Amino acid sequence: MKSTLASAHHPIAFGHPSLEALAELGIIRRYRRHTILMEDGDTASSLMLVLEGRLRWYSLSHDARTRELTLALLGPGELVGDTSLATGKRCGTVITLTASVCAVVSSETVARQVQADPELARLLWHRAAERAEQSIQTARHALFTDTYTRLCALLRGDLALRRSASEEALTHAQMAQHIGCSREMVSRILKDLISGGYVTRLPNRCYRAVRPLPTRW
């Protein structure tokens, strides 16, 4: 189902009039949970502005044992596909975690709007640079720290994912995707941290550190 933003009566909060004007030019599309919106390597033909819902941007390994690494969790007011505008190719895969609503703007419309509003170009560049820095930080954690350190960072909310395991109910498999390891490893570390009295599992299935986590385990 699609409609214009004006007819959908969605509140827009993108932090700048230029981005809000761009969203007004988009087509409203509603997506079910677990819908893949774009895949790594696809041709980039549009930009999405999130109005409702939660999305996950992630990368897949290309070895015999496929693994996933979450690059960012996205929500209302954020852009999807902004890092692909310059290259014309999608970088990473985006999937909806909940039912979601996005304003979809074609690349041609974005180009015309950038010419009419130079401030928009600065904003898009700034957002894309922030996203690139965020993904570099995530990759640095995955490459240069051990699994225990990465899981502790997730529990504390230190990762650039913007949401931590202490704020949101995540399965062990989802935590593993966030930090690039196996579900079994997450389960084993959490079991030890809970047994040691460092972490507790709340009734809403969120995990919370109740004592400073050991630097090494």
Protein backbone atom coordinates (compact mmCIF):
# COMPACT_ATOMS: atom_id res chain seq x y z
CA MET A 1 0.00 0.00 0.00
CA LYS A 2 1.33 3.44 -0.86
CA SER A 3 0.27 7.07 -0.56
CA THR A 4 1.78 10.52 -0.40
CA LEU A 5 3.14 11.71 2.92
CA ALA A 6 0.63 14.54 3.11
CA SER A 7 -2.35 12.22 2.78
CA ALA A 8 -0.96 9.76 5.32
CA HIS A 9 -0.83 12.40 8.10
CA HIS A 10 2.41 11.00 9.54
CA PRO A 11 4.25 13.28 11.95
CA ILE A 12 7.68 14.05 10.52
CA ALA A 13 10.70 14.59 12.78
CA PHE A 14 13.87 14.52 10.72
CA GLY A 15 15.54 17.40 12.51
CA HIS A 16 15.74 19.81 9.58
CA PRO A 17 13.24 21.44 7.18
CA SER A 18 15.24 20.25 4.14
CA LEU A 19 14.89 16.61 5.18
CA GLU A 20 11.24 17.08 6.00
CA ALA A 21 10.69 18.61 2.56
CA LEU A 22 12.45 15.63 0.99
CA ALA A 23 10.19 13.23 2.89
CA GLU A 24 7.16 15.11 1.57
CA LEU A 25 8.26 14.18 -1.95
CA GLY A 26 8.33 10.49 -1.14
CA ILE A 27 5.81 7.72 -1.57
CA ILE A 28 4.60 6.18 1.69
CA ARG A 29 5.16 2.44 1.81
CA ARG A 30 4.21 0.09 4.63
CA TYR A 31 6.23 -3.03 5.29
CA ARG A 32 5.59 -6.12 7.36
CA ARG A 33 8.00 -7.38 9.97
CA HIS A 34 11.04 -9.23 8.60
CA THR A 35 10.80 -7.63 5.15
CA ILE A 36 14.13 -7.08 3.38
CA LEU A 37 14.11 -3.51 2.05
CA MET A 38 17.47 -3.61 0.29
CA GLU A 39 20.29 -6.09 -0.19
CA ASP A 40 24.04 -5.68 -0.37
CA GLY A 41 25.19 -5.06 -3.95
CA ASP A 42 21.78 -4.07 -5.32
CA THR A 43 21.52 -1.01 -7.54
CA ALA A 44 20.60 2.02 -5.42
CA SER A 45 17.49 3.57 -6.95
CA SER A 46 15.95 5.28 -3.93
CA LEU A 47 16.41 6.77 -0.49
CA MET A 48 14.13 5.87 2.42
CA LEU A 49 13.14 8.06 5.35
CA VAL A 50 11.80 6.06 8.31
CA LEU A 51 8.47 7.26 9.70
CA GLU A 52 7.54 4.32 11.91
CA GLY A 53 9.06 1.05 13.05
CA ARG A 54 12.53 -0.38 13.61
CA LEU A 55 14.99 -1.58 11.01
CA ARG A 56 18.31 -3.40 11.09
CA TRP A 57 21.24 -2.65 8.78
CA TYR A 58 23.70 -5.53 8.66
CA SER A 59 26.49 -7.18 6.70
CA LEU A 60 26.91 -10.87 5.80
CA SER A 61 30.14 -12.83 5.61
CA HIS A 62 30.86 -14.69 2.39
CA ASP A 63 32.62 -17.73 3.77
CA ALA A 64 31.45 -21.30 4.29
CA ARG A 65 29.79 -20.45 7.61
CA THR A 66 27.62 -17.42 6.96
CA ARG A 67 27.69 -14.91 9.81
CA GLU A 68 25.95 -11.59 10.33
CA LEU A 69 27.19 -8.36 11.87
CA THR A 70 24.71 -5.63 12.77
CA LEU A 71 25.95 -2.23 11.58
CA ALA A 72 23.08 -0.10 12.92
CA LEU A 73 19.57 -0.20 14.32
CA LEU A 74 17.37 2.43 12.68
CA GLY A 75 14.15 4.09 13.75
CA PRO A 76 11.85 7.05 13.03
CA GLY A 77 13.63 10.15 11.79
CA GLU A 78 16.53 8.24 10.24
CA LEU A 79 17.58 7.68 6.63
CA VAL A 80 18.08 4.36 4.88
CA GLY A 81 20.25 4.06 1.80
CA ASP A 82 22.00 7.42 2.18
CA THR A 83 25.43 5.75 2.08
CA SER A 84 24.61 4.34 -1.38
CA LEU A 85 23.76 7.61 -3.13
CA ALA A 86 27.34 8.34 -4.25
CA THR A 87 28.30 4.81 -5.34
CA GLY A 88 24.98 3.69 -6.81
CA LYS A 89 25.30 0.32 -5.05
CA ARG A 90 23.75 -0.82 -1.78
CA CYS A 91 26.21 -1.29 1.03
CA GLY A 92 24.80 -3.87 3.43
CA THR A 93 21.32 -5.34 3.83
CA VAL A 94 18.37 -3.70 5.59
CA ILE A 95 15.47 -5.65 7.12
CA THR A 96 12.47 -4.53 9.15
CA LEU A 97 12.41 -5.72 12.77
CA THR A 98 8.82 -4.52 13.23
CA ALA A 99 6.02 -3.40 10.96
CA SER A 100 7.42 -0.20 9.47
CA VAL A 101 6.47 2.82 7.40
CA CYS A 102 8.93 4.67 5.15
CA ALA A 103 8.82 7.58 2.72
CA VAL A 104 10.56 6.28 -0.42
CA VAL A 105 12.18 8.95 -2.60
CA SER A 106 13.66 8.04 -6.00
CA SER A 107 17.30 8.86 -6.70
CA GLU A 108 16.20 11.19 -9.51
CA THR A 109 13.96 13.12 -7.10
CA VAL A 110 16.78 13.35 -4.55
CA ALA A 111 19.13 14.72 -7.24
CA ARG A 112 16.61 17.37 -8.30
CA GLN A 113 15.94 18.38 -4.71
CA VAL A 114 19.67 18.68 -3.99
CA GLN A 115 20.00 21.09 -6.92
CA ALA A 116 17.07 23.15 -5.65
CA ASP A 117 18.22 23.05 -2.01
CA PRO A 118 22.03 22.99 -1.55
CA GLU A 119 21.56 22.66 2.21
CA LEU A 120 20.09 19.21 1.58
CA ALA A 121 23.36 18.07 0.02
CA ARG A 122 25.24 19.08 3.16
CA LEU A 123 22.76 17.25 5.38
CA LEU A 124 22.87 14.06 3.31
CA TRP A 125 26.67 14.13 3.31
CA HIS A 126 26.72 14.68 7.07
CA ARG A 127 24.28 11.81 7.73
CA ALA A 128 26.23 9.47 5.43
CA ALA A 129 29.51 10.41 7.14
CA GLU A 130 27.99 9.69 10.56
CA ARG A 131 26.73 6.33 9.35
CA ALA A 132 30.14 5.46 7.88
CA GLU A 133 31.86 6.36 11.16
CA GLN A 134 29.34 4.27 13.06
CA SER A 135 29.94 1.22 10.86
CA ILE A 136 33.72 1.64 11.18
CA GLN A 137 33.41 1.64 14.97
CA THR A 138 31.29 -1.51 14.81
CA ALA A 139 33.78 -3.20 12.48
CA ARG A 140 36.66 -2.16 14.74
CA HIS A 141 34.97 -3.84 17.70
CA ALA A 142 34.38 -6.99 15.65
CA LEU A 143 37.97 -7.19 14.38
CA PHE A 144 40.06 -5.99 17.29
CA THR A 145 38.24 -7.06 20.46
CA ASP A 146 37.26 -10.46 21.79
CA THR A 147 33.71 -11.73 22.07
CA TYR A 148 33.47 -11.08 25.80
CA THR A 149 34.51 -7.43 25.39
CA ARG A 150 32.00 -6.91 22.58
CA LEU A 151 29.15 -8.46 24.57
CA CYS A 152 29.96 -6.27 27.59
CA ALA A 153 29.94 -3.21 25.33
CA LEU A 154 26.51 -4.22 24.05
CA LEU A 155 25.18 -4.73 27.59
CA ARG A 156 26.51 -1.32 28.64
CA GLY A 157 25.21 0.39 25.52
CA ASP A 158 28.71 1.40 24.42
CA LEU A 159 28.42 0.09 20.88
CA ALA A 160 27.36 2.44 18.10
CA LEU A 161 24.12 0.48 17.65
CA ARG A 162 22.19 3.14 19.63
CA ARG A 163 20.34 0.52 21.64
CA SER A 164 21.77 -1.89 24.15
CA ALA A 165 20.69 -5.26 25.45
CA SER A 166 19.82 -3.55 28.73
CA GLU A 167 17.20 -1.39 26.97
CA GLU A 168 15.61 -3.89 24.61
CA ALA A 169 14.63 -7.54 24.77
CA LEU A 170 17.08 -9.39 22.53
CA THR A 171 17.42 -13.09 21.99
CA HIS A 172 20.86 -14.65 22.30
CA ALA A 173 20.87 -15.07 18.51
CA GLN A 174 20.17 -11.35 18.02
CA MET A 175 22.98 -10.43 20.41
CA ALA A 176 25.27 -12.72 18.44
CA GLN A 177 24.30 -10.92 15.22
CA HIS A 178 25.03 -7.56 16.83
CA ILE A 179 28.56 -8.49 17.85
CA GLY A 180 29.50 -11.03 15.17
CA CYS A 181 29.82 -14.31 17.06
CA SER A 182 27.90 -17.54 17.66
CA ARG A 183 24.69 -17.78 19.69
CA GLU A 184 26.31 -20.51 21.80
CA MET A 185 29.13 -18.17 22.81
CA VAL A 186 26.67 -15.47 23.91
CA SER A 187 24.67 -18.00 25.94
CA ARG A 188 27.77 -19.31 27.68
CA ILE A 189 29.08 -15.85 28.64
CA LEU A 190 25.68 -14.63 29.85
CA LYS A 191 25.19 -17.74 31.94
CA ASP A 192 28.53 -17.13 33.66
CA LEU A 193 27.81 -13.41 34.21
CA ILE A 194 24.40 -14.18 35.70
CA SER A 195 25.84 -16.91 37.93
CA GLY A 196 28.49 -14.48 39.11
CA GLY A 197 25.90 -11.87 40.02
CA TYR A 198 27.09 -9.35 37.43
CA VAL A 199 24.04 -9.44 35.15
CA THR A 200 20.35 -10.06 35.78
CA ARG A 201 17.59 -10.97 33.36
CA LEU A 202 14.56 -8.74 33.88
CA PRO A 203 10.91 -9.89 33.62
CA ASN A 204 10.68 -8.19 30.21
CA ARG A 205 13.58 -10.40 28.99
CA CYS A 206 16.07 -7.53 28.94
CA TYR A 207 19.49 -8.00 30.50
CA ARG A 208 20.93 -5.48 32.95
CA ALA A 209 24.40 -5.22 34.46
CA VAL A 210 23.90 -4.84 38.23
CA ARG A 211 27.62 -4.69 39.05
CA PRO A 212 30.61 -3.37 37.09
CA LEU A 213 31.48 -6.05 34.57
CA PRO A 214 34.97 -7.62 34.83
CA THR A 215 37.40 -6.31 32.24
CA ARG A 216 38.36 -9.90 31.44
CA TRP A 217 36.47 -13.17 31.92
